[in-house]
Amino acid sequence: MTGALMRAVRVLALAAAAAAGASALLAAQAPSAQSDDLTVPRWPDGRVNLGSAPGKKGYWEVRPGLGGAPRAADVPFQPWARALYDYRTSNTLHSPLVGCKPAVGPAFFNAPGFEIVDAPDLQSIFILNIAGPHSWRVIHMDGRPHPPLEELRPTFFGHSIGRWENDTLVIDTVGFNEKQWIVGAYPTTSQLHLVERLSRPNLKTLIYEYTVDDPGAYTKPWSGRWTINEKSASSWVAGGEMFEYICQDSRDYKGD
């Protein structure tokens, strides 16, 4: 083999090695880039941010059919609660949402969506609902306990305190009135104790789990859940902003 030919072979070999190295580097970087796109926003102390990162925009868009309500056959009703449930489901105009009343607990996360605002300086998390009467929930994150029940004025949203269990936000709420529908058409009483869990395994996924403990309406606690992710109709809208929504009482609507 001549010297010129040997030099040509070496050049080709080096070029092939460089190309292989570049391909390997791109292959190694591709999953990383994809992972970075789904990175969950966190605060400097490592806590998960369930909303948008500081300086950015975003909200959770909810489309009909998100789910979360168990089948009535699986809910351990007290007899009176089952009768009330059947009455409520006999006419859609019975729903408080039709009358622009606040949606509560699991029902709060309804279409068209919501925004979660973490305010560390206020030691609070706010959950803002686009629909209905422009409602918002306040989750106290300062470590306070619930006041004695006899000192609480019953309200639609009750008294909520939150804590972090690793990367899961746990919301504990008591002090409800009896005017709301907890989810679907399921009734509750002033004995309701609601525990909700929110987690965000990646940027575009939000998992919501809840447990209803109300001995006044049910014979034992029961639970439900839903998930927003890239496979669901509902989604995380990066860069999006909540929009104006006008709710009008439709209970007196008689048609054209």
C-alpha atoms as a PDB file:
ATOM      1  CA  MET A   1       0.000   0.000   0.000  1.00  0.00           C
ATOM      2  CA  THR A   2       1.451   3.362  -1.001  1.00  0.00           C
ATOM      3  CA  GLY A   3       1.958   6.184   1.487  1.00  0.00           C
ATOM      4  CA  ALA A   4      -0.715   8.295  -0.175  1.00  0.00           C
ATOM      5  CA  LEU A   5      -3.226   5.444  -0.022  1.00  0.00           C
ATOM      6  CA  MET A   6      -2.457   4.787   3.651  1.00  0.00           C
ATOM      7  CA  ARG A   7      -2.992   8.448   4.461  1.00  0.00           C
ATOM      8  CA  ALA A   8      -6.351   8.371   2.654  1.00  0.00           C
ATOM      9  CA  VAL A   9      -7.439   5.290   4.614  1.00  0.00           C
ATOM     10  CA  ARG A  10      -6.486   6.976   7.899  1.00  0.00           C
ATOM     11  CA  VAL A  11      -8.507  10.093   6.975  1.00  0.00           C
ATOM     12  CA  LEU A  12     -11.570   7.999   6.123  1.00  0.00           C
ATOM     13  CA  ALA A  13     -11.222   6.030   9.362  1.00  0.00           C
ATOM     14  CA  LEU A  14     -10.970   9.217  11.419  1.00  0.00           C
ATOM     15  CA  ALA A  15     -14.012  10.688   9.636  1.00  0.00           C
ATOM     16  CA  ALA A  16     -16.041   7.547  10.292  1.00  0.00           C
ATOM     17  CA  ALA A  17     -15.047   7.577  13.956  1.00  0.00           C
ATOM     18  CA  ALA A  18     -15.981  11.241  14.266  1.00  0.00           C
ATOM     19  CA  ALA A  19     -19.355  10.613  12.641  1.00  0.00           C
ATOM     20  CA  ALA A  20     -20.033   7.678  14.962  1.00  0.00           C
ATOM     21  CA  GLY A  21     -19.079   9.785  17.954  1.00  0.00           C
ATOM     22  CA  ALA A  22     -21.362  12.607  16.883  1.00  0.00           C
ATOM     23  CA  SER A  23     -24.259  10.184  16.392  1.00  0.00           C
ATOM     24  CA  ALA A  24     -23.694   8.700  19.829  1.00  0.00           C
ATOM     25  CA  LEU A  25     -23.572  12.179  21.355  1.00  0.00           C
ATOM     26  CA  LEU A  26     -26.832  13.186  19.682  1.00  0.00           C
ATOM     27  CA  ALA A  27     -28.480   9.956  20.790  1.00  0.00           C
ATOM     28  CA  ALA A  28     -27.371  10.576  24.336  1.00  0.00           C
ATOM     29  CA  GLN A  29     -28.569  14.174  24.258  1.00  0.00           C
ATOM     30  CA  ALA A  30     -31.987  13.503  22.739  1.00  0.00           C
ATOM     31  CA  PRO A  31     -33.569  11.873  25.832  1.00  0.00           C
ATOM     32  CA  SER A  32     -32.014  14.575  28.001  1.00  0.00           C
ATOM     33  CA  ALA A  33     -33.541  17.334  25.906  1.00  0.00           C
ATOM     34  CA  GLN A  34     -36.892  15.597  25.995  1.00  0.00           C
ATOM     35  CA  SER A  35     -36.588  15.193  29.742  1.00  0.00           C
ATOM     36  CA  ASP A  36     -35.723  18.885  30.141  1.00  0.00           C
ATOM     37  CA  ASP A  37     -38.901  19.805  28.241  1.00  0.00           C
ATOM     38  CA  LEU A  38     -40.953  17.968  30.869  1.00  0.00           C
ATOM     39  CA  THR A  39     -39.010  19.121  33.906  1.00  0.00           C
ATOM     40  CA  VAL A  40     -41.301  20.028  36.783  1.00  0.00           C
ATOM     41  CA  PRO A  41     -40.819  23.634  37.970  1.00  0.00           C
ATOM     42  CA  ARG A  42     -39.485  23.804  41.515  1.00  0.00           C
ATOM     43  CA  TRP A  43     -38.837  26.483  44.078  1.00  0.00           C
ATOM     44  CA  PRO A  44     -35.290  27.144  45.343  1.00  0.00           C
ATOM     45  CA  ASP A  45     -35.990  24.951  48.373  1.00  0.00           C
ATOM     46  CA  GLY A  46     -36.839  22.019  46.081  1.00  0.00           C
ATOM     47  CA  ARG A  47     -40.615  22.108  46.482  1.00  0.00           C
ATOM     48  CA  VAL A  48     -42.690  21.260  43.434  1.00  0.00           C
ATOM     49  CA  ASN A  49     -44.558  24.153  41.840  1.00  0.00           C
ATOM     50  CA  LEU A  50     -47.974  22.916  40.707  1.00  0.00           C
ATOM     51  CA  GLY A  51     -48.453  25.997  38.531  1.00  0.00           C
ATOM     52  CA  SER A  52     -46.111  27.974  36.312  1.00  0.00           C
ATOM     53  CA  ALA A  53     -42.545  28.869  37.189  1.00  0.00           C
ATOM     54  CA  PRO A  54     -41.874  32.447  38.381  1.00  0.00           C
ATOM     55  CA  GLY A  55     -41.922  34.805  35.413  1.00  0.00           C
ATOM     56  CA  LYS A  56     -43.810  32.335  33.215  1.00  0.00           C
ATOM     57  CA  LYS A  57     -47.470  31.709  32.432  1.00  0.00           C
ATOM     58  CA  GLY A  58     -49.623  28.611  32.307  1.00  0.00           C
ATOM     59  CA  TYR A  59     -52.826  27.013  33.521  1.00  0.00           C
ATOM     60  CA  TRP A  60     -54.555  23.642  33.532  1.00  0.00           C
ATOM     61  CA  GLU A  61     -57.197  23.402  30.825  1.00  0.00           C
ATOM     62  CA  VAL A  62     -60.075  21.052  31.605  1.00  0.00           C
ATOM     63  CA  ARG A  63     -62.274  19.527  28.933  1.00  0.00           C
ATOM     64  CA  PRO A  64     -65.565  17.729  29.635  1.00  0.00           C
ATOM     65  CA  GLY A  65     -65.065  14.113  30.590  1.00  0.00           C
ATOM     66  CA  LEU A  66     -62.109  14.548  32.942  1.00  0.00           C
ATOM     67  CA  GLY A  67     -63.860  12.167  35.330  1.00  0.00           C
ATOM     68  CA  GLY A  68     -63.157  11.660  38.987  1.00  0.00           C
ATOM     69  CA  ALA A  69     -66.650  10.733  40.146  1.00  0.00           C
ATOM     70  CA  PRO A  70     -67.158   7.067  41.057  1.00  0.00           C
ATOM     71  CA  ARG A  71     -70.245   5.176  39.939  1.00  0.00           C
ATOM     72  CA  ALA A  72     -73.216   5.645  42.239  1.00  0.00           C
ATOM     73  CA  ALA A  73     -73.329   1.868  42.676  1.00  0.00           C
ATOM     74  CA  ASP A  74     -69.865   2.032  44.265  1.00  0.00           C
ATOM     75  CA  VAL A  75     -70.655   4.848  46.712  1.00  0.00           C
ATOM     76  CA  PRO A  76     -71.681   3.776  50.264  1.00  0.00           C
ATOM     77  CA  PHE A  77     -74.723   6.049  50.653  1.00  0.00           C
ATOM     78  CA  GLN A  78     -76.807   6.512  53.736  1.00  0.00           C
ATOM     79  CA  PRO A  79     -80.429   5.862  52.589  1.00  0.00           C
ATOM     80  CA  TRP A  80     -81.436   9.540  52.680  1.00  0.00           C
ATOM     81  CA  ALA A  81     -78.304  10.534  50.743  1.00  0.00           C
ATOM     82  CA  ARG A  82     -79.081   8.021  47.992  1.00  0.00           C
ATOM     83  CA  ALA A  83     -82.630   9.358  47.726  1.00  0.00           C
ATOM     84  CA  LEU A  84     -81.315  12.924  47.433  1.00  0.00           C
ATOM     85  CA  TYR A  85     -78.762  11.840  44.837  1.00  0.00           C
ATOM     86  CA  ASP A  86     -81.522  10.250  42.746  1.00  0.00           C
ATOM     87  CA  TYR A  87     -83.598  13.429  42.977  1.00  0.00           C
ATOM     88  CA  ARG A  88     -80.672  15.610  41.961  1.00  0.00           C
ATOM     89  CA  THR A  89     -79.867  13.500  38.928  1.00  0.00           C
ATOM     90  CA  SER A  90     -83.484  13.577  37.744  1.00  0.00           C
ATOM     91  CA  ASN A  91     -83.051  17.109  36.344  1.00  0.00           C
ATOM     92  CA  THR A  92     -79.859  18.865  35.238  1.00  0.00           C
ATOM     93  CA  LEU A  93     -81.300  22.218  36.356  1.00  0.00           C
ATOM     94  CA  HIS A  94     -80.874  21.050  39.953  1.00  0.00           C
ATOM     95  CA  SER A  95     -77.104  21.444  39.649  1.00  0.00           C
ATOM     96  CA  PRO A  96     -75.652  24.420  41.550  1.00  0.00           C
ATOM     97  CA  LEU A  97     -73.367  25.055  38.571  1.00  0.00           C
ATOM     98  CA  VAL A  98     -76.435  25.955  36.514  1.00  0.00           C
ATOM     99  CA  GLY A  99     -77.203  28.638  39.088  1.00  0.00           C
ATOM    100  CA  CYS A 100     -73.595  29.925  39.143  1.00  0.00           C
ATOM    101  CA  LYS A 101     -72.984  28.601  42.640  1.00  0.00           C
ATOM    102  CA  PRO A 102     -69.461  27.615  43.729  1.00  0.00           C
ATOM    103  CA  ALA A 103     -68.205  24.159  42.846  1.00  0.00           C
ATOM    104  CA  VAL A 104     -66.544  22.414  45.775  1.00  0.00           C
ATOM    105  CA  GLY A 105     -63.739  19.906  46.293  1.00  0.00           C
ATOM    106  CA  PRO A 106     -63.379  17.598  43.279  1.00  0.00           C
ATOM    107  CA  ALA A 107     -66.121  19.518  41.449  1.00  0.00           C
ATOM    108  CA  PHE A 108     -64.002  22.684  41.683  1.00  0.00           C
ATOM    109  CA  PHE A 109     -61.648  21.358  39.001  1.00  0.00           C
ATOM    110  CA  ASN A 110     -64.214  21.569  36.221  1.00  0.00           C
ATOM    111  CA  ALA A 111     -64.165  22.939  32.674  1.00  0.00           C
ATOM    112  CA  PRO A 112     -62.813  25.142  31.257  1.00  0.00           C
ATOM    113  CA  GLY A 113     -59.924  25.004  33.729  1.00  0.00           C
ATOM    114  CA  PHE A 114     -58.040  26.329  36.722  1.00  0.00           C
ATOM    115  CA  GLU A 115     -54.763  27.879  37.790  1.00  0.00           C
ATOM    116  CA  ILE A 116     -52.665  27.007  40.836  1.00  0.00           C
ATOM    117  CA  VAL A 117     -50.724  29.931  42.300  1.00  0.00           C
ATOM    118  CA  ASP A 118     -48.103  29.157  44.938  1.00  0.00           C
ATOM    119  CA  ALA A 119     -47.356  32.259  47.036  1.00  0.00           C
ATOM    120  CA  PRO A 120     -44.476  31.370  49.393  1.00  0.00           C
ATOM    121  CA  ASP A 121     -44.296  34.903  50.801  1.00  0.00           C
ATOM    122  CA  LEU A 122     -47.918  34.566  51.943  1.00  0.00           C
ATOM    123  CA  GLN A 123     -47.468  30.938  53.017  1.00  0.00           C
ATOM    124  CA  SER A 124     -50.536  30.118  50.950  1.00  0.00           C
ATOM    125  CA  ILE A 125     -51.518  28.344  47.766  1.00  0.00           C
ATOM    126  CA  PHE A 126     -54.417  29.741  45.746  1.00  0.00           C
ATOM    127  CA  ILE A 127     -56.458  27.656  43.312  1.00  0.00           C
ATOM    128  CA  LEU A 128     -58.388  29.827  40.856  1.00  0.00           C
ATOM    129  CA  ASN A 129     -61.367  28.510  38.908  1.00  0.00           C
ATOM    130  CA  ILE A 130     -62.177  30.003  35.506  1.00  0.00           C
ATOM    131  CA  ALA A 131     -65.823  28.956  35.417  1.00  0.00           C
ATOM    132  CA  GLY A 132     -68.797  29.627  37.659  1.00  0.00           C
ATOM    133  CA  PRO A 133     -68.699  32.690  39.918  1.00  0.00           C
ATOM    134  CA  HIS A 134     -64.937  33.230  39.475  1.00  0.00           C
ATOM    135  CA  SER A 135     -64.185  31.283  42.640  1.00  0.00           C
ATOM    136  CA  TRP A 136     -60.861  30.725  44.334  1.00  0.00           C
ATOM    137  CA  ARG A 137     -59.695  28.529  47.166  1.00  0.00           C
ATOM    138  CA  VAL A 138     -57.112  29.457  49.780  1.00  0.00           C
ATOM    139  CA  ILE A 139     -54.858  26.709  51.142  1.00  0.00           C
ATOM    140  CA  HIS A 140     -53.030  27.784  54.306  1.00  0.00           C
ATOM    141  CA  MET A 141     -49.449  26.464  54.242  1.00  0.00           C
ATOM    142  CA  ASP A 142     -48.134  28.041  57.465  1.00  0.00           C
ATOM    143  CA  GLY A 143     -48.611  24.970  59.653  1.00  0.00           C
ATOM    144  CA  ARG A 144     -51.743  26.198  61.396  1.00  0.00           C
ATOM    145  CA  PRO A 145     -54.290  23.613  62.590  1.00  0.00           C
ATOM    146  CA  HIS A 146     -58.016  23.740  61.942  1.00  0.00           C
ATOM    147  CA  PRO A 147     -59.921  25.850  64.471  1.00  0.00           C
ATOM    148  CA  PRO A 148     -62.431  23.924  66.606  1.00  0.00           C
ATOM    149  CA  LEU A 149     -65.430  23.089  64.416  1.00  0.00           C
ATOM    150  CA  GLU A 150     -67.779  25.016  66.685  1.00  0.00           C
ATOM    151  CA  GLU A 151     -65.748  28.154  65.949  1.00  0.00           C
ATOM    152  CA  LEU A 152     -65.869  27.748  62.162  1.00  0.00           C
ATOM    153  CA  ARG A 153     -68.546  29.456  60.110  1.00  0.00           C
ATOM    154  CA  PRO A 154     -69.632  26.828  57.553  1.00  0.00           C
ATOM    155  CA  THR A 155     -68.839  27.918  53.982  1.00  0.00           C
ATOM    156  CA  PHE A 156     -68.858  26.465  50.477  1.00  0.00           C
ATOM    157  CA  PHE A 157     -65.102  25.884  50.478  1.00  0.00           C
ATOM    158  CA  GLY A 158     -64.543  25.196  54.168  1.00  0.00           C
ATOM    159  CA  HIS A 159     -61.247  25.744  55.969  1.00  0.00           C
ATOM    160  CA  SER A 160     -58.255  24.274  54.118  1.00  0.00           C
ATOM    161  CA  ILE A 161     -54.765  23.601  55.435  1.00  0.00           C
ATOM    162  CA  GLY A 162     -51.985  22.050  53.387  1.00  0.00           C
ATOM    163  CA  ARG A 163     -48.710  20.232  53.832  1.00  0.00           C
ATOM    164  CA  TRP A 164     -46.164  18.558  51.602  1.00  0.00           C
ATOM    165  CA  GLU A 165     -45.542  14.823  51.707  1.00  0.00           C
ATOM    166  CA  ASN A 166     -42.436  14.589  49.527  1.00  0.00           C
ATOM    167  CA  ASP A 167     -43.652  15.923  46.153  1.00  0.00           C
ATOM    168  CA  THR A 168     -47.371  15.594  46.921  1.00  0.00           C
ATOM    169  CA  LEU A 169     -49.511  18.467  48.194  1.00  0.00           C
ATOM    170  CA  VAL A 170     -52.001  17.188  50.770  1.00  0.00           C
ATOM    171  CA  ILE A 171     -55.013  19.448  51.403  1.00  0.00           C
ATOM    172  CA  ASP A 172     -57.151  18.822  54.491  1.00  0.00           C
ATOM    173  CA  THR A 173     -60.514  20.633  54.627  1.00  0.00           C
ATOM    174  CA  VAL A 174     -63.372  20.830  57.148  1.00  0.00           C
ATOM    175  CA  GLY A 175     -66.070  23.393  57.959  1.00  0.00           C
ATOM    176  CA  PHE A 176     -68.300  22.976  54.895  1.00  0.00           C
ATOM    177  CA  ASN A 177     -71.885  24.103  54.586  1.00  0.00           C
ATOM    178  CA  GLU A 178     -74.470  21.709  53.139  1.00  0.00           C
ATOM    179  CA  LYS A 179     -75.283  23.657  49.975  1.00  0.00           C
ATOM    180  CA  GLN A 180     -72.683  22.169  47.670  1.00  0.00           C
ATOM    181  CA  TRP A 181     -72.332  19.047  45.557  1.00  0.00           C
ATOM    182  CA  ILE A 182     -68.961  17.508  46.357  1.00  0.00           C
ATOM    183  CA  VAL A 183     -68.675  15.876  42.913  1.00  0.00           C
ATOM    184  CA  GLY A 184     -71.352  14.856  40.457  1.00  0.00           C
ATOM    185  CA  ALA A 185     -74.604  15.019  42.430  1.00  0.00           C
ATOM    186  CA  TYR A 186     -73.303  13.477  45.647  1.00  0.00           C
ATOM    187  CA  PRO A 187     -74.619  15.232  48.796  1.00  0.00           C
ATOM    188  CA  THR A 188     -72.663  16.040  51.946  1.00  0.00           C
ATOM    189  CA  THR A 189     -73.310  17.274  55.480  1.00  0.00           C
ATOM    190  CA  SER A 190     -71.507  19.556  57.905  1.00  0.00           C
ATOM    191  CA  GLN A 191     -69.562  16.475  59.062  1.00  0.00           C
ATOM    192  CA  LEU A 192     -67.652  16.346  55.780  1.00  0.00           C
ATOM    193  CA  HIS A 193     -63.885  15.921  56.076  1.00  0.00           C
ATOM    194  CA  LEU A 194     -62.217  16.134  52.665  1.00  0.00           C
ATOM    195  CA  VAL A 195     -58.607  15.132  51.968  1.00  0.00           C
ATOM    196  CA  GLU A 196     -57.136  15.939  48.543  1.00  0.00           C
ATOM    197  CA  ARG A 197     -53.738  15.024  47.104  1.00  0.00           C
ATOM    198  CA  LEU A 198     -52.130  16.779  44.131  1.00  0.00           C
ATOM    199  CA  SER A 199     -48.907  15.598  42.505  1.00  0.00           C
ATOM    200  CA  ARG A 200     -47.038  16.555  39.339  1.00  0.00           C
ATOM    201  CA  PRO A 201     -44.657  13.832  38.124  1.00  0.00           C
ATOM    202  CA  ASN A 202     -43.732  15.888  35.051  1.00  0.00           C
ATOM    203  CA  LEU A 203     -44.505  19.287  33.558  1.00  0.00           C
ATOM    204  CA  LYS A 204     -47.610  18.181  31.662  1.00  0.00           C
ATOM    205  CA  THR A 205     -49.080  15.749  34.187  1.00  0.00           C
ATOM    206  CA  LEU A 206     -51.245  16.503  37.216  1.00  0.00           C
ATOM    207  CA  ILE A 207     -52.688  13.730  39.385  1.00  0.00           C
ATOM    208  CA  TYR A 208     -55.595  14.504  41.707  1.00  0.00           C
ATOM    209  CA  GLU A 209     -56.848  12.085  44.366  1.00  0.00           C
ATOM    210  CA  TYR A 210     -59.473  12.709  47.022  1.00  0.00           C
ATOM    211  CA  THR A 211     -61.164  10.970  49.925  1.00  0.00           C
ATOM    212  CA  VAL A 212     -64.631  11.909  51.209  1.00  0.00           C
ATOM    213  CA  ASP A 213     -65.245  11.115  54.871  1.00  0.00           C
ATOM    214  CA  ASP A 214     -68.773  12.173  55.836  1.00  0.00           C
ATOM    215  CA  PRO A 215     -70.534   9.851  58.298  1.00  0.00           C
ATOM    216  CA  GLY A 216     -73.653  11.990  58.025  1.00  0.00           C
ATOM    217  CA  ALA A 217     -74.162  11.009  54.380  1.00  0.00           C
ATOM    218  CA  TYR A 218     -72.133   7.810  53.853  1.00  0.00           C
ATOM    219  CA  THR A 219     -71.524   4.609  55.755  1.00  0.00           C
ATOM    220  CA  LYS A 220     -67.754   4.742  55.170  1.00  0.00           C
ATOM    221  CA  PRO A 221     -65.170   6.938  53.407  1.00  0.00           C
ATOM    222  CA  TRP A 222     -64.874   6.714  49.633  1.00  0.00           C
ATOM    223  CA  SER A 223     -62.377   8.002  47.085  1.00  0.00           C
ATOM    224  CA  GLY A 224     -61.876   9.089  43.506  1.00  0.00           C
ATOM    225  CA  ARG A 225     -59.170  10.437  41.213  1.00  0.00           C
ATOM    226  CA  TRP A 226     -58.371  11.905  37.811  1.00  0.00           C
ATOM    227  CA  THR A 227     -55.239  12.562  35.786  1.00  0.00           C
ATOM    228  CA  ILE A 228     -54.363  15.307  33.314  1.00  0.00           C
ATOM    229  CA  ASN A 229     -51.568  14.302  30.932  1.00  0.00           C
ATOM    230  CA  GLU A 230     -50.575  14.248  27.272  1.00  0.00           C
ATOM    231  CA  LYS A 231     -52.995  11.388  26.590  1.00  0.00           C
ATOM    232  CA  SER A 232     -56.049  13.158  28.042  1.00  0.00           C
ATOM    233  CA  ALA A 233     -58.283  15.785  26.421  1.00  0.00           C
ATOM    234  CA  SER A 234     -57.431  18.106  29.315  1.00  0.00           C
ATOM    235  CA  SER A 235     -53.906  19.530  29.347  1.00  0.00           C
ATOM    236  CA  TRP A 236     -51.288  21.914  30.724  1.00  0.00           C
ATOM    237  CA  VAL A 237     -51.333  25.117  28.638  1.00  0.00           C
ATOM    238  CA  ALA A 238     -47.802  26.509  28.846  1.00  0.00           C
ATOM    239  CA  GLY A 239     -47.763  30.252  28.282  1.00  0.00           C
ATOM    240  CA  GLY A 240     -51.557  30.425  28.528  1.00  0.00           C
ATOM    241  CA  GLU A 241     -53.552  32.790  30.703  1.00  0.00           C
ATOM    242  CA  MET A 242     -56.905  32.455  32.403  1.00  0.00           C
ATOM    243  CA  PHE A 243     -59.645  34.210  30.471  1.00  0.00           C
ATOM    244  CA  GLU A 244     -62.870  35.991  31.346  1.00  0.00           C
ATOM    245  CA  TYR A 245     -65.838  33.699  31.819  1.00  0.00           C
ATOM    246  CA  ILE A 246     -69.365  35.013  32.318  1.00  0.00           C
ATOM    247  CA  CYS A 247     -71.739  32.751  34.250  1.00  0.00           C
ATOM    248  CA  GLN A 248     -75.471  33.373  33.953  1.00  0.00           C
ATOM    249  CA  ASP A 249     -78.119  31.675  36.059  1.00  0.00           C
ATOM    250  CA  SER A 250     -79.862  29.277  33.671  1.00  0.00           C
ATOM    251  CA  ARG A 251     -82.473  27.853  36.013  1.00  0.00           C
ATOM    252  CA  ASP A 252     -85.232  30.171  34.751  1.00  0.00           C
ATOM    253  CA  TYR A 253     -84.405  29.662  31.076  1.00  0.00           C
ATOM    254  CA  LYS A 254     -87.544  28.566  29.208  1.00  0.00           C
ATOM    255  CA  GLY A 255     -86.131  28.280  25.709  1.00  0.00           C
ATOM    256  CA  ASP A 256     -87.028  30.235  22.575  1.00  0.00           C
END
